[in-house]
Structure formats: C-alpha cells, structure tokens
C-alpha cells in the first residue's frame, strides 16, 4: 500500500478528523509528506478540512 492509500484508509477509519501531525505519527511518515498528500486529496474533493484554532482537522468525504 502506498502512502496516499494509507492516508485514505486512516481518514476513513477516524471519523472525528485528524491533524497532519496525528496522520504522520499514525502512519510513521514525514510531517512534510502528509500535506502534499492531503492537498492532492482536497484538489480531488475527496476530503474536508475544518480549522480548529491553529490546527486543521481533516475528514474523509468531499464537500
């Protein structure tokens, strides 16, 4: 499974939303890699992003 598939699987499993750091730690991948993958998914309208203060929660499911 590649990193993008792993992020998708993780987001589908965690319906409460996850931050970039939580995703990076859960999958043991670079904190710099995660935003690239999330930007790709957002561009394809596959995820939703909700700002909570400084953090952003990422959810599976487009707008």
N, C-alpha and C. Protein backbone atom coordinates (compact mmCIF):
# COMPACT_ATOMS: atom_id res chain seq x y z
N UNK A 1 0.86 -1.18 0.00
CA UNK A 1 0.00 0.00 0.00
C UNK A 1 0.90 1.24 0.00
N UNK A 2 0.59 2.19 -0.88
CA UNK A 2 1.41 3.41 -0.90
C UNK A 2 0.91 4.39 0.17
N UNK A 3 1.64 5.47 0.34
CA UNK A 3 1.34 6.44 1.41
C UNK A 3 -0.03 7.08 1.24
N UNK A 4 -0.38 7.39 0.01
CA UNK A 4 -1.69 8.01 -0.25
C UNK A 4 -2.82 7.07 0.16
N UNK A 5 -2.72 5.81 -0.21
CA UNK A 5 -3.74 4.83 0.16
C UNK A 5 -3.82 4.68 1.68
N UNK A 6 -2.67 4.73 2.34
CA UNK A 6 -2.62 4.60 3.80
C UNK A 6 -3.33 5.79 4.46
N UNK A 7 -3.12 6.99 3.93
CA UNK A 7 -3.79 8.20 4.47
C UNK A 7 -5.29 8.08 4.27
N UNK A 8 -5.72 7.65 3.11
CA UNK A 8 -7.15 7.49 2.82
C UNK A 8 -7.78 6.49 3.80
N UNK A 9 -7.12 5.36 3.98
CA UNK A 9 -7.62 4.33 4.89
C UNK A 9 -7.74 4.87 6.31
N UNK A 10 -6.73 5.60 6.75
CA UNK A 10 -6.72 6.17 8.10
C UNK A 10 -7.85 7.19 8.28
N UNK A 11 -8.04 8.06 7.29
CA UNK A 11 -9.10 9.08 7.38
C UNK A 11 -10.49 8.43 7.39
N UNK A 12 -10.66 7.36 6.62
CA UNK A 12 -11.95 6.67 6.60
C UNK A 12 -12.25 6.05 7.96
N UNK A 13 -11.20 5.57 8.64
CA UNK A 13 -11.36 4.90 9.93
C UNK A 13 -11.60 5.90 11.07
N UNK A 14 -11.02 7.10 10.98
CA UNK A 14 -11.12 8.10 12.04
C UNK A 14 -12.10 9.20 11.64
N UNK A 15 -13.36 8.99 11.95
CA UNK A 15 -14.40 9.92 11.51
C UNK A 15 -14.41 11.23 12.29
N UNK A 16 -13.67 11.30 13.40
CA UNK A 16 -13.60 12.55 14.17
C UNK A 16 -12.62 13.56 13.58
N UNK A 17 -11.90 13.17 12.55
CA UNK A 17 -10.93 14.06 11.91
C UNK A 17 -9.56 13.93 12.55
N UNK A 18 -8.54 14.21 11.77
CA UNK A 18 -7.15 14.10 12.22
C UNK A 18 -6.34 15.31 11.76
N UNK A 19 -5.35 15.69 12.57
CA UNK A 19 -4.42 16.74 12.17
C UNK A 19 -3.29 16.11 11.35
N UNK A 20 -2.51 16.97 10.73
CA UNK A 20 -1.36 16.50 9.94
C UNK A 20 -0.41 15.70 10.83
N UNK A 21 -0.14 16.21 12.02
CA UNK A 21 0.80 15.53 12.93
C UNK A 21 0.26 14.16 13.34
N UNK A 22 -1.03 14.08 13.63
CA UNK A 22 -1.63 12.80 14.01
C UNK A 22 -1.52 11.78 12.86
N UNK A 23 -1.75 12.23 11.65
CA UNK A 23 -1.65 11.35 10.48
C UNK A 23 -0.21 10.87 10.32
N UNK A 24 0.74 11.80 10.41
CA UNK A 24 2.16 11.47 10.25
C UNK A 24 2.61 10.45 11.30
N UNK A 25 2.20 10.66 12.55
CA UNK A 25 2.59 9.74 13.63
C UNK A 25 1.95 8.37 13.46
N UNK A 26 0.67 8.34 13.12
CA UNK A 26 -0.06 7.08 13.00
C UNK A 26 0.53 6.21 11.89
N UNK A 27 0.98 6.85 10.81
CA UNK A 27 1.48 6.10 9.66
C UNK A 27 3.00 6.05 9.59
N UNK A 28 3.67 6.72 10.54
CA UNK A 28 5.13 6.77 10.58
C UNK A 28 5.70 7.27 9.25
N UNK A 29 5.14 8.40 8.79
CA UNK A 29 5.67 9.05 7.59
C UNK A 29 6.00 10.50 7.93
N UNK A 30 6.75 11.15 7.07
CA UNK A 30 7.23 12.51 7.31
C UNK A 30 6.08 13.51 7.44
N UNK A 31 6.26 14.46 8.37
CA UNK A 31 5.27 15.53 8.52
C UNK A 31 5.18 16.38 7.26
N UNK A 32 6.23 16.39 6.47
CA UNK A 32 6.24 17.18 5.23
C UNK A 32 5.54 16.46 4.08
N UNK A 33 5.45 15.15 4.16
CA UNK A 33 4.80 14.36 3.11
C UNK A 33 3.28 14.45 3.22
N UNK A 34 2.78 14.49 4.45
CA UNK A 34 1.33 14.45 4.69
C UNK A 34 0.58 15.60 4.01
N UNK A 35 1.02 16.87 4.16
CA UNK A 35 0.27 17.96 3.50
C UNK A 35 0.22 17.84 1.97
N UNK A 36 1.25 17.26 1.40
CA UNK A 36 1.28 17.06 -0.06
C UNK A 36 0.16 16.10 -0.47
N UNK A 37 0.05 15.00 0.27
CA UNK A 37 -0.99 14.00 0.00
C UNK A 37 -2.37 14.61 0.25
N UNK A 38 -2.51 15.35 1.36
CA UNK A 38 -3.81 15.96 1.69
C UNK A 38 -4.22 17.00 0.64
N UNK A 39 -3.27 17.76 0.13
CA UNK A 39 -3.57 18.76 -0.90
C UNK A 39 -4.09 18.08 -2.16
N UNK A 40 -3.49 16.94 -2.48
CA UNK A 40 -3.93 16.16 -3.65
C UNK A 40 -5.38 15.67 -3.45
N UNK A 41 -5.66 15.16 -2.25
CA UNK A 41 -7.00 14.65 -1.95
C UNK A 41 -8.02 15.79 -1.93
N UNK A 42 -7.61 16.95 -1.39
CA UNK A 42 -8.51 18.10 -1.35
C UNK A 42 -8.82 18.59 -2.76
N UNK A 43 -7.79 18.60 -3.61
CA UNK A 43 -7.97 19.01 -5.00
C UNK A 43 -8.95 18.12 -5.73
N UNK A 44 -8.96 16.85 -5.36
CA UNK A 44 -9.89 15.89 -5.97
C UNK A 44 -11.24 15.88 -5.23
N UNK A 45 -11.38 16.78 -4.24
CA UNK A 45 -12.61 16.91 -3.44
C UNK A 45 -12.98 15.61 -2.73
N UNK A 46 -11.96 14.90 -2.23
CA UNK A 46 -12.20 13.65 -1.52
C UNK A 46 -12.19 13.84 0.00
N UNK A 47 -11.65 14.98 0.47
CA UNK A 47 -11.61 15.23 1.92
C UNK A 47 -12.18 16.61 2.23
N UNK A 48 -12.55 16.78 3.50
CA UNK A 48 -12.99 18.08 4.02
C UNK A 48 -11.97 18.52 5.06
N UNK A 49 -11.77 19.83 5.18
CA UNK A 49 -10.83 20.36 6.17
C UNK A 49 -11.58 21.39 7.02
N UNK A 50 -11.46 21.22 8.36
CA UNK A 50 -12.13 22.15 9.28
C UNK A 50 -11.07 22.77 10.20
N UNK A 51 -10.90 24.09 10.12
CA UNK A 51 -9.93 24.74 11.00
C UNK A 51 -10.43 24.77 12.45
N UNK A 52 -9.57 24.41 13.38
CA UNK A 52 -9.86 24.48 14.81
C UNK A 52 -8.70 25.25 15.43
N UNK A 53 -8.85 26.55 15.62
CA UNK A 53 -7.74 27.37 16.10
C UNK A 53 -6.62 27.34 15.07
N UNK A 54 -5.42 27.02 15.53
CA UNK A 54 -4.28 26.94 14.61
C UNK A 54 -4.28 25.64 13.81
N UNK A 55 -4.87 24.61 14.38
CA UNK A 55 -4.86 23.28 13.74
C UNK A 55 -5.96 23.17 12.69
N UNK A 56 -5.82 22.18 11.84
CA UNK A 56 -6.87 21.84 10.86
C UNK A 56 -7.17 20.36 11.00
N UNK A 57 -8.46 20.05 11.08
CA UNK A 57 -8.86 18.65 11.13
C UNK A 57 -9.24 18.22 9.73
N UNK A 58 -8.78 17.04 9.34
CA UNK A 58 -9.03 16.51 8.00
C UNK A 58 -9.99 15.32 8.11
N UNK A 59 -11.02 15.34 7.29
CA UNK A 59 -12.06 14.30 7.31
C UNK A 59 -12.19 13.69 5.93
N UNK A 60 -12.51 12.40 5.88
CA UNK A 60 -12.82 11.76 4.60
C UNK A 60 -14.19 12.23 4.16
N UNK A 61 -14.37 12.42 2.89
CA UNK A 61 -15.68 12.80 2.33
C UNK A 61 -15.63 14.23 1.80
N UNK A 62 -15.88 14.38 0.54
CA UNK A 62 -15.81 15.71 -0.08
C UNK A 62 -16.95 16.62 0.34
N UNK A 63 -16.86 17.86 -0.11
CA UNK A 63 -17.88 18.86 0.23
C UNK A 63 -19.06 18.76 -0.70
